[in-house]
Amino acid sequence: MRSGRGEPRALVTLRGRRHGTGTAGRNGFRDREGTGQVASGNGSGERGAPRPYRKHRPLPALIVIGVLALGAVFVWVNAVVGRGNVDEAVLCTPAPTPPAGTTYTTVPHNGLDDRAPMPPDKVALKVLNASTTRGQGGIATTALRGLGFTAIADPGNDPAYPKGDAKCRGQIRYGENGAAAARTVSLVVPCAELVRDNRKDASVDLVTGTRFDDIRPRAEALRVLQQLTSWSQAHQGGGGSEQSTGPGGPMIDQTLLASARDVTC
């Protein structure tokens, strides 16, 4: 006969092993099915734990924004100051004395940038010498004629500077109807001061001052003149002049026009 005490002991032992009660943790049952500290972890391990929230630091972004803002301000200030320096550099002193019935108004260096140039063979141009250098007007006239200004007149002396004391490279004088013609002249003489007067026709006067050396347009200006001349010959024929700015004309690249006058005066 079996002892009544032995059977309960065996049952207790098996139950202890199955359910992890008592000291059965030594054989691994408790580790896998008990508290789970070894096999499955208790939720505090590194593998299953969520990553801590990283706060985004705004300082680097603010630094980049600040640098870009300073760069934009620098470019804007440089453009404004640079434009002012050009206007001052091309200014003729003393100021010209206009003949009776004529008024002169100084125009900024970029005052004709919104006007399309006209073909050089259509520009009614005249060179006026405002210096004491003999033959300066004739030399400039010959150079301009070689650049396609075939309607240029014979040179003369500038009545607005009877003493020949215009301390500058020169002036481009024109009326409202001659803005397109003056724009063409400004491409080959980019450091001349722009002066608008009250003439009614489209003629233009190029005044040469005491600092005028020679006419050496940039390669971009020569390309513009070539395009204008080719268009004029194809549509209207060469030669002749226009006394008002007529419609039509070739489409000239604005970057090319800007480069034609991109010089240091």
C-alpha atoms as a PDB file:
ATOM      1  CA  MET A   1       0.000   0.000   0.000  1.00  0.00           C
ATOM      2  CA  ARG A   2       1.120   3.523  -0.821  1.00  0.00           C
ATOM      3  CA  SER A   3       1.698   5.931   1.969  1.00  0.00           C
ATOM      4  CA  GLY A   4      -0.837   8.728   2.133  1.00  0.00           C
ATOM      5  CA  ARG A   5       1.843  11.263   2.865  1.00  0.00           C
ATOM      6  CA  GLY A   6       4.046  10.521  -0.153  1.00  0.00           C
ATOM      7  CA  GLU A   7       1.519  11.346  -2.806  1.00  0.00           C
ATOM      8  CA  PRO A   8       0.883  14.865  -1.638  1.00  0.00           C
ATOM      9  CA  ARG A   9       4.589  15.537  -1.491  1.00  0.00           C
ATOM     10  CA  ALA A  10       5.019  14.462  -5.126  1.00  0.00           C
ATOM     11  CA  LEU A  11       2.139  16.590  -6.230  1.00  0.00           C
ATOM     12  CA  VAL A  12       3.527  19.583  -4.430  1.00  0.00           C
ATOM     13  CA  THR A  13       6.894  19.071  -6.038  1.00  0.00           C
ATOM     14  CA  LEU A  14       5.481  18.816  -9.556  1.00  0.00           C
ATOM     15  CA  ARG A  15       3.249  21.777  -9.034  1.00  0.00           C
ATOM     16  CA  GLY A  16       6.116  23.768  -7.754  1.00  0.00           C
ATOM     17  CA  ARG A  17       8.128  22.960 -10.832  1.00  0.00           C
ATOM     18  CA  ARG A  18       5.329  23.782 -13.234  1.00  0.00           C
ATOM     19  CA  HIS A  19       4.131  27.024 -11.745  1.00  0.00           C
ATOM     20  CA  GLY A  20       7.359  28.365 -10.372  1.00  0.00           C
ATOM     21  CA  THR A  21       6.325  28.327  -6.757  1.00  0.00           C
ATOM     22  CA  GLY A  22       8.804  27.416  -4.090  1.00  0.00           C
ATOM     23  CA  THR A  23      12.454  27.055  -5.093  1.00  0.00           C
ATOM     24  CA  ALA A  24      12.028  25.725  -8.645  1.00  0.00           C
ATOM     25  CA  GLY A  25      13.746  28.767 -10.052  1.00  0.00           C
ATOM     26  CA  ARG A  26      17.081  26.953 -10.050  1.00  0.00           C
ATOM     27  CA  ASN A  27      16.072  24.610 -12.908  1.00  0.00           C
ATOM     28  CA  GLY A  28      14.939  27.437 -15.235  1.00  0.00           C
ATOM     29  CA  PHE A  29      11.182  26.989 -15.084  1.00  0.00           C
ATOM     30  CA  ARG A  30      10.782  30.083 -13.018  1.00  0.00           C
ATOM     31  CA  ASP A  31      13.110  32.076 -15.206  1.00  0.00           C
ATOM     32  CA  ARG A  32      11.035  31.340 -18.343  1.00  0.00           C
ATOM     33  CA  GLU A  33       7.566  31.369 -16.923  1.00  0.00           C
ATOM     34  CA  GLY A  34       7.958  33.253 -13.700  1.00  0.00           C
ATOM     35  CA  THR A  35       8.979  36.812 -13.354  1.00  0.00           C
ATOM     36  CA  GLY A  36      10.641  36.833 -16.810  1.00  0.00           C
ATOM     37  CA  GLN A  37      13.700  38.675 -15.659  1.00  0.00           C
ATOM     38  CA  VAL A  38      16.144  36.526 -17.671  1.00  0.00           C
ATOM     39  CA  ALA A  39      14.307  35.124 -20.702  1.00  0.00           C
ATOM     40  CA  SER A  40      11.874  37.820 -21.688  1.00  0.00           C
ATOM     41  CA  GLY A  41      13.024  40.843 -19.734  1.00  0.00           C
ATOM     42  CA  ASN A  42      11.038  42.933 -17.327  1.00  0.00           C
ATOM     43  CA  GLY A  43      10.527  45.919 -19.646  1.00  0.00           C
ATOM     44  CA  SER A  44      13.529  47.808 -18.398  1.00  0.00           C
ATOM     45  CA  GLY A  45      16.106  46.451 -20.908  1.00  0.00           C
ATOM     46  CA  GLU A  46      17.735  48.522 -23.645  1.00  0.00           C
ATOM     47  CA  ARG A  47      16.401  46.527 -26.631  1.00  0.00           C
ATOM     48  CA  GLY A  48      12.729  46.979 -25.963  1.00  0.00           C
ATOM     49  CA  ALA A  49      12.890  50.440 -24.375  1.00  0.00           C
ATOM     50  CA  PRO A  50      11.774  53.467 -26.497  1.00  0.00           C
ATOM     51  CA  ARG A  51      14.432  55.972 -27.467  1.00  0.00           C
ATOM     52  CA  PRO A  52      14.448  59.162 -25.443  1.00  0.00           C
ATOM     53  CA  TYR A  53      12.965  62.229 -27.204  1.00  0.00           C
ATOM     54  CA  ARG A  54      15.613  64.461 -28.669  1.00  0.00           C
ATOM     55  CA  LYS A  55      14.870  68.127 -28.569  1.00  0.00           C
ATOM     56  CA  HIS A  56      15.680  69.964 -31.808  1.00  0.00           C
ATOM     57  CA  ARG A  57      18.071  72.770 -31.167  1.00  0.00           C
ATOM     58  CA  PRO A  58      17.015  75.882 -33.147  1.00  0.00           C
ATOM     59  CA  LEU A  59      20.406  77.569 -32.824  1.00  0.00           C
ATOM     60  CA  PRO A  60      22.033  76.144 -36.022  1.00  0.00           C
ATOM     61  CA  ALA A  61      18.963  77.001 -38.097  1.00  0.00           C
ATOM     62  CA  LEU A  62      18.876  80.514 -36.674  1.00  0.00           C
ATOM     63  CA  ILE A  63      22.545  80.955 -37.502  1.00  0.00           C
ATOM     64  CA  VAL A  64      21.955  79.923 -41.128  1.00  0.00           C
ATOM     65  CA  ILE A  65      18.969  82.259 -41.437  1.00  0.00           C
ATOM     66  CA  GLY A  66      20.993  85.086 -39.933  1.00  0.00           C
ATOM     67  CA  VAL A  67      23.872  84.549 -42.349  1.00  0.00           C
ATOM     68  CA  LEU A  68      21.507  84.525 -45.343  1.00  0.00           C
ATOM     69  CA  ALA A  69      19.800  87.683 -44.121  1.00  0.00           C
ATOM     70  CA  LEU A  70      23.116  89.466 -43.675  1.00  0.00           C
ATOM     71  CA  GLY A  71      24.167  88.369 -47.160  1.00  0.00           C
ATOM     72  CA  ALA A  72      20.980  89.757 -48.676  1.00  0.00           C
ATOM     73  CA  VAL A  73      21.429  93.060 -46.858  1.00  0.00           C
ATOM     74  CA  PHE A  74      25.058  93.251 -48.002  1.00  0.00           C
ATOM     75  CA  VAL A  75      24.094  92.678 -51.640  1.00  0.00           C
ATOM     76  CA  TRP A  76      21.345  95.302 -51.447  1.00  0.00           C
ATOM     77  CA  VAL A  77      23.564  97.893 -49.784  1.00  0.00           C
ATOM     78  CA  ASN A  78      26.381  97.179 -52.220  1.00  0.00           C
ATOM     79  CA  ALA A  79      24.019  97.650 -55.165  1.00  0.00           C
ATOM     80  CA  VAL A  80      22.710 100.958 -53.821  1.00  0.00           C
ATOM     81  CA  VAL A  81      26.153 102.268 -52.920  1.00  0.00           C
ATOM     82  CA  GLY A  82      27.622 101.012 -56.180  1.00  0.00           C
ATOM     83  CA  ARG A  83      24.974 102.788 -58.218  1.00  0.00           C
ATOM     84  CA  GLY A  84      25.638 105.978 -56.302  1.00  0.00           C
ATOM     85  CA  ASN A  85      29.369 105.650 -56.870  1.00  0.00           C
ATOM     86  CA  VAL A  86      28.854 105.250 -60.635  1.00  0.00           C
ATOM     87  CA  ASP A  87      26.636 108.323 -60.824  1.00  0.00           C
ATOM     88  CA  GLU A  88      29.269 110.284 -58.944  1.00  0.00           C
ATOM     89  CA  ALA A  89      32.126 108.926 -61.050  1.00  0.00           C
ATOM     90  CA  VAL A  90      30.565 109.928 -64.382  1.00  0.00           C
ATOM     91  CA  LEU A  91      29.397 113.365 -63.222  1.00  0.00           C
ATOM     92  CA  CYS A  92      30.842 116.262 -65.211  1.00  0.00           C
ATOM     93  CA  THR A  93      32.152 119.276 -63.303  1.00  0.00           C
ATOM     94  CA  PRO A  94      31.534 122.093 -63.523  1.00  0.00           C
ATOM     95  CA  ALA A  95      27.954 121.668 -64.621  1.00  0.00           C
ATOM     96  CA  PRO A  96      27.296 122.601 -68.249  1.00  0.00           C
ATOM     97  CA  THR A  97      25.756 125.960 -69.094  1.00  0.00           C
ATOM     98  CA  PRO A  98      22.855 125.244 -71.444  1.00  0.00           C
ATOM     99  CA  PRO A  99      22.195 127.614 -74.352  1.00  0.00           C
ATOM    100  CA  ALA A 100      19.210 129.935 -74.142  1.00  0.00           C
ATOM    101  CA  GLY A 101      15.939 128.033 -74.233  1.00  0.00           C
ATOM    102  CA  THR A 102      17.573 124.697 -73.365  1.00  0.00           C
ATOM    103  CA  THR A 103      17.259 122.820 -70.091  1.00  0.00           C
ATOM    104  CA  TYR A 104      19.493 120.008 -68.861  1.00  0.00           C
ATOM    105  CA  THR A 105      18.404 117.259 -66.479  1.00  0.00           C
ATOM    106  CA  THR A 106      20.871 114.703 -65.160  1.00  0.00           C
ATOM    107  CA  VAL A 107      19.700 111.104 -65.534  1.00  0.00           C
ATOM    108  CA  PRO A 108      21.010 108.205 -63.392  1.00  0.00           C
ATOM    109  CA  HIS A 109      23.534 105.890 -64.990  1.00  0.00           C
ATOM    110  CA  ASN A 110      20.885 103.183 -65.323  1.00  0.00           C
ATOM    111  CA  GLY A 111      18.175 105.590 -66.444  1.00  0.00           C
ATOM    112  CA  LEU A 112      17.940 104.076 -69.935  1.00  0.00           C
ATOM    113  CA  ASP A 113      18.105 100.418 -68.970  1.00  0.00           C
ATOM    114  CA  ASP A 114      14.388  99.997 -69.648  1.00  0.00           C
ATOM    115  CA  ARG A 115      14.701 101.298 -73.224  1.00  0.00           C
ATOM    116  CA  ALA A 116      15.421  99.062 -76.179  1.00  0.00           C
ATOM    117  CA  PRO A 117      18.343 100.311 -78.305  1.00  0.00           C
ATOM    118  CA  MET A 118      17.851 101.191 -81.943  1.00  0.00           C
ATOM    119  CA  PRO A 119      20.170 100.257 -84.841  1.00  0.00           C
ATOM    120  CA  PRO A 120      23.291 102.449 -84.884  1.00  0.00           C
ATOM    121  CA  ASP A 121      22.817 103.375 -88.553  1.00  0.00           C
ATOM    122  CA  LYS A 122      19.527 105.053 -87.578  1.00  0.00           C
ATOM    123  CA  VAL A 123      21.020 107.248 -84.855  1.00  0.00           C
ATOM    124  CA  ALA A 124      21.348 110.949 -85.724  1.00  0.00           C
ATOM    125  CA  LEU A 125      24.560 111.544 -83.768  1.00  0.00           C
ATOM    126  CA  LYS A 126      26.949 114.463 -83.385  1.00  0.00           C
ATOM    127  CA  VAL A 127      30.154 114.678 -81.332  1.00  0.00           C
ATOM    128  CA  LEU A 128      30.810 117.898 -79.394  1.00  0.00           C
ATOM    129  CA  ASN A 129      34.260 118.568 -77.965  1.00  0.00           C
ATOM    130  CA  ALA A 130      34.120 119.939 -74.406  1.00  0.00           C
ATOM    131  CA  SER A 131      37.882 119.811 -73.843  1.00  0.00           C
ATOM    132  CA  THR A 132      40.904 121.733 -75.063  1.00  0.00           C
ATOM    133  CA  THR A 133      42.303 118.692 -76.887  1.00  0.00           C
ATOM    134  CA  ARG A 134      42.355 119.509 -80.580  1.00  0.00           C
ATOM    135  CA  GLY A 135      40.928 116.906 -82.910  1.00  0.00           C
ATOM    136  CA  GLN A 136      39.307 114.912 -80.125  1.00  0.00           C
ATOM    137  CA  GLY A 137      35.853 115.211 -81.658  1.00  0.00           C
ATOM    138  CA  GLY A 138      37.113 114.121 -85.069  1.00  0.00           C
ATOM    139  CA  ILE A 139      38.818 111.031 -83.664  1.00  0.00           C
ATOM    140  CA  ALA A 140      35.663 110.022 -81.805  1.00  0.00           C
ATOM    141  CA  THR A 141      33.539 110.613 -84.905  1.00  0.00           C
ATOM    142  CA  THR A 142      35.731 108.352 -87.010  1.00  0.00           C
ATOM    143  CA  ALA A 143      35.612 105.604 -84.388  1.00  0.00           C
ATOM    144  CA  LEU A 144      31.825 105.788 -84.104  1.00  0.00           C
ATOM    145  CA  ARG A 145      31.378 105.690 -87.852  1.00  0.00           C
ATOM    146  CA  GLY A 146      33.434 102.514 -87.920  1.00  0.00           C
ATOM    147  CA  LEU A 147      31.082 100.973 -85.353  1.00  0.00           C
ATOM    148  CA  GLY A 148      28.070 101.455 -87.607  1.00  0.00           C
ATOM    149  CA  PHE A 149      26.937 104.990 -86.713  1.00  0.00           C
ATOM    150  CA  THR A 150      26.869 105.939 -90.373  1.00  0.00           C
ATOM    151  CA  ALA A 151      24.427 108.816 -89.888  1.00  0.00           C
ATOM    152  CA  ILE A 152      26.877 110.716 -87.674  1.00  0.00           C
ATOM    153  CA  ALA A 153      27.427 114.392 -88.459  1.00  0.00           C
ATOM    154  CA  ASP A 154      30.667 116.356 -88.524  1.00  0.00           C
ATOM    155  CA  PRO A 155      32.017 117.170 -85.041  1.00  0.00           C
ATOM    156  CA  GLY A 156      31.959 120.572 -83.387  1.00  0.00           C
ATOM    157  CA  ASN A 157      32.749 122.373 -80.138  1.00  0.00           C
ATOM    158  CA  ASP A 158      30.357 122.211 -77.220  1.00  0.00           C
ATOM    159  CA  PRO A 159      28.640 125.557 -76.575  1.00  0.00           C
ATOM    160  CA  ALA A 160      27.781 124.419 -73.018  1.00  0.00           C
ATOM    161  CA  TYR A 161      31.516 124.343 -72.187  1.00  0.00           C
ATOM    162  CA  PRO A 162      33.005 127.299 -74.038  1.00  0.00           C
ATOM    163  CA  LYS A 163      36.217 127.020 -71.999  1.00  0.00           C
ATOM    164  CA  GLY A 164      36.615 123.330 -72.754  1.00  0.00           C
ATOM    165  CA  ASP A 165      36.760 122.489 -69.056  1.00  0.00           C
ATOM    166  CA  ALA A 166      34.370 119.549 -68.719  1.00  0.00           C
ATOM    167  CA  LYS A 167      36.131 117.396 -66.142  1.00  0.00           C
ATOM    168  CA  CYS A 168      34.675 114.008 -67.035  1.00  0.00           C
ATOM    169  CA  ARG A 169      34.747 111.456 -69.797  1.00  0.00           C
ATOM    170  CA  GLY A 170      31.737 112.885 -71.504  1.00  0.00           C
ATOM    171  CA  GLN A 171      27.987 113.312 -71.689  1.00  0.00           C
ATOM    172  CA  ILE A 172      25.204 111.823 -73.787  1.00  0.00           C
ATOM    173  CA  ARG A 173      22.543 114.475 -74.358  1.00  0.00           C
ATOM    174  CA  TYR A 174      19.187 113.577 -75.809  1.00  0.00           C
ATOM    175  CA  GLY A 175      15.507 114.444 -75.752  1.00  0.00           C
ATOM    176  CA  GLU A 176      12.531 112.298 -74.885  1.00  0.00           C
ATOM    177  CA  ASN A 177      12.174 111.091 -78.476  1.00  0.00           C
ATOM    178  CA  GLY A 178      15.840 110.140 -78.614  1.00  0.00           C
ATOM    179  CA  ALA A 179      15.932 107.810 -75.615  1.00  0.00           C
ATOM    180  CA  ALA A 180      16.344 104.681 -77.765  1.00  0.00           C
ATOM    181  CA  ALA A 181      19.126 106.326 -79.774  1.00  0.00           C
ATOM    182  CA  ALA A 182      20.867 107.459 -76.589  1.00  0.00           C
ATOM    183  CA  ARG A 183      20.595 103.926 -75.269  1.00  0.00           C
ATOM    184  CA  THR A 184      22.550 102.693 -78.288  1.00  0.00           C
ATOM    185  CA  VAL A 185      25.260 105.314 -77.798  1.00  0.00           C
ATOM    186  CA  SER A 186      25.543 104.423 -74.109  1.00  0.00           C
ATOM    187  CA  LEU A 187      26.494 100.877 -75.064  1.00  0.00           C
ATOM    188  CA  VAL A 188      29.742 102.048 -76.664  1.00  0.00           C
ATOM    189  CA  VAL A 189      30.440 104.917 -74.237  1.00  0.00           C
ATOM    190  CA  PRO A 190      29.196 103.423 -70.941  1.00  0.00           C
ATOM    191  CA  CYS A 191      30.956 105.924 -68.674  1.00  0.00           C
ATOM    192  CA  ALA A 192      29.361 109.016 -70.182  1.00  0.00           C
ATOM    193  CA  GLU A 193      26.926 110.984 -68.050  1.00  0.00           C
ATOM    194  CA  LEU A 194      23.320 110.843 -69.255  1.00  0.00           C
ATOM    195  CA  VAL A 195      21.710 114.260 -69.684  1.00  0.00           C
ATOM    196  CA  ARG A 196      18.171 114.789 -70.944  1.00  0.00           C
ATOM    197  CA  ASP A 197      17.240 118.105 -72.520  1.00  0.00           C
ATOM    198  CA  ASN A 198      14.115 119.538 -74.117  1.00  0.00           C
ATOM    199  CA  ARG A 199      14.882 118.915 -77.789  1.00  0.00           C
ATOM    200  CA  LYS A 200      11.983 117.578 -79.812  1.00  0.00           C
ATOM    201  CA  ASP A 201      13.751 115.332 -82.291  1.00  0.00           C
ATOM    202  CA  ALA A 202      15.574 112.041 -81.760  1.00  0.00           C
ATOM    203  CA  SER A 203      19.083 113.386 -82.306  1.00  0.00           C
ATOM    204  CA  VAL A 204      21.842 112.685 -79.796  1.00  0.00           C
ATOM    205  CA  ASP A 205      24.952 114.680 -78.852  1.00  0.00           C
ATOM    206  CA  LEU A 206      28.008 112.881 -77.527  1.00  0.00           C
ATOM    207  CA  VAL A 207      30.123 115.319 -75.525  1.00  0.00           C
ATOM    208  CA  THR A 208      33.795 114.454 -75.002  1.00  0.00           C
ATOM    209  CA  GLY A 209      35.356 115.830 -71.813  1.00  0.00           C
ATOM    210  CA  THR A 210      38.901 116.285 -70.588  1.00  0.00           C
ATOM    211  CA  ARG A 211      39.066 112.658 -69.373  1.00  0.00           C
ATOM    212  CA  PHE A 212      37.848 111.160 -72.613  1.00  0.00           C
ATOM    213  CA  ASP A 213      40.428 108.766 -74.027  1.00  0.00           C
ATOM    214  CA  ASP A 214      39.015 106.659 -76.830  1.00  0.00           C
ATOM    215  CA  ILE A 215      36.044 104.505 -77.748  1.00  0.00           C
ATOM    216  CA  ARG A 216      36.646 100.876 -76.875  1.00  0.00           C
ATOM    217  CA  PRO A 217      33.331  99.074 -76.380  1.00  0.00           C
ATOM    218  CA  ARG A 218      33.172  95.688 -74.722  1.00  0.00           C
ATOM    219  CA  ALA A 219      32.771  92.537 -76.786  1.00  0.00           C
ATOM    220  CA  GLU A 220      29.161  92.294 -75.607  1.00  0.00           C
ATOM    221  CA  ALA A 221      28.460  95.790 -76.915  1.00  0.00           C
ATOM    222  CA  LEU A 222      29.904  94.869 -80.299  1.00  0.00           C
ATOM    223  CA  ARG A 223      27.616  91.844 -80.437  1.00  0.00           C
ATOM    224  CA  VAL A 224      24.598  94.033 -79.710  1.00  0.00           C
ATOM    225  CA  LEU A 225      25.587  96.497 -82.441  1.00  0.00           C
ATOM    226  CA  GLN A 226      26.027  93.651 -84.897  1.00  0.00           C
ATOM    227  CA  GLN A 227      22.572  92.270 -84.137  1.00  0.00           C
ATOM    228  CA  LEU A 228      20.996  95.714 -84.454  1.00  0.00           C
ATOM    229  CA  THR A 229      22.759  96.453 -87.736  1.00  0.00           C
ATOM    230  CA  SER A 230      21.841  93.076 -89.226  1.00  0.00           C
ATOM    231  CA  TRP A 231      18.210  93.594 -88.304  1.00  0.00           C
ATOM    232  CA  SER A 232      18.211  97.098 -89.789  1.00  0.00           C
ATOM    233  CA  GLN A 233      19.710  95.942 -93.068  1.00  0.00           C
ATOM    234  CA  ALA A 234      17.253  93.057 -93.331  1.00  0.00           C
ATOM    235  CA  HIS A 235      14.134  95.088 -92.558  1.00  0.00           C
ATOM    236  CA  GLN A 236      14.770  98.686 -93.562  1.00  0.00           C
ATOM    237  CA  GLY A 237      18.050  98.770 -95.435  1.00  0.00           C
ATOM    238  CA  GLY A 238      21.256 100.412 -94.325  1.00  0.00           C
ATOM    239  CA  GLY A 239      21.895 104.100 -93.953  1.00  0.00           C
ATOM    240  CA  GLY A 240      19.549 106.935 -93.183  1.00  0.00           C
ATOM    241  CA  SER A 241      18.419 108.247 -89.818  1.00  0.00           C
ATOM    242  CA  GLU A 242      15.200 108.361 -87.868  1.00  0.00           C
ATOM    243  CA  GLN A 243      13.943 111.464 -86.140  1.00  0.00           C
ATOM    244  CA  SER A 244      11.689 109.534 -83.787  1.00  0.00           C
ATOM    245  CA  THR A 245      11.867 106.165 -82.125  1.00  0.00           C
ATOM    246  CA  GLY A 246       9.911 103.848 -84.377  1.00  0.00           C
ATOM    247  CA  PRO A 247       8.365 100.556 -83.264  1.00  0.00           C
ATOM    248  CA  GLY A 248       9.900  97.203 -83.943  1.00  0.00           C
ATOM    249  CA  GLY A 249      13.413  95.935 -83.638  1.00  0.00           C
ATOM    250  CA  PRO A 250      15.305  92.780 -82.752  1.00  0.00           C
ATOM    251  CA  MET A 251      14.940  91.117 -79.387  1.00  0.00           C
ATOM    252  CA  ILE A 252      18.248  91.649 -77.590  1.00  0.00           C
ATOM    253  CA  ASP A 253      19.099  89.506 -74.592  1.00  0.00           C
ATOM    254  CA  GLN A 254      18.919  91.601 -71.425  1.00  0.00           C
ATOM    255  CA  THR A 255      21.951  89.889 -69.936  1.00  0.00           C
ATOM    256  CA  LEU A 256      23.956  90.831 -73.012  1.00  0.00           C
ATOM    257  CA  LEU A 257      22.820  94.449 -72.727  1.00  0.00           C
ATOM    258  CA  ALA A 258      23.775  94.580 -69.059  1.00  0.00           C
ATOM    259  CA  SER A 259      27.198  93.088 -69.776  1.00  0.00           C
ATOM    260  CA  ALA A 260      27.820  95.669 -72.491  1.00  0.00           C
ATOM    261  CA  ARG A 261      27.885  98.414 -69.846  1.00  0.00           C
ATOM    262  CA  ASP A 262      29.417  96.399 -67.027  1.00  0.00           C
ATOM    263  CA  VAL A 263      32.538  98.520 -66.640  1.00  0.00           C
ATOM    264  CA  THR A 264      34.336 100.438 -63.912  1.00  0.00           C
ATOM    265  CA  CYS A 265      34.059 104.170 -64.479  1.00  0.00           C
END
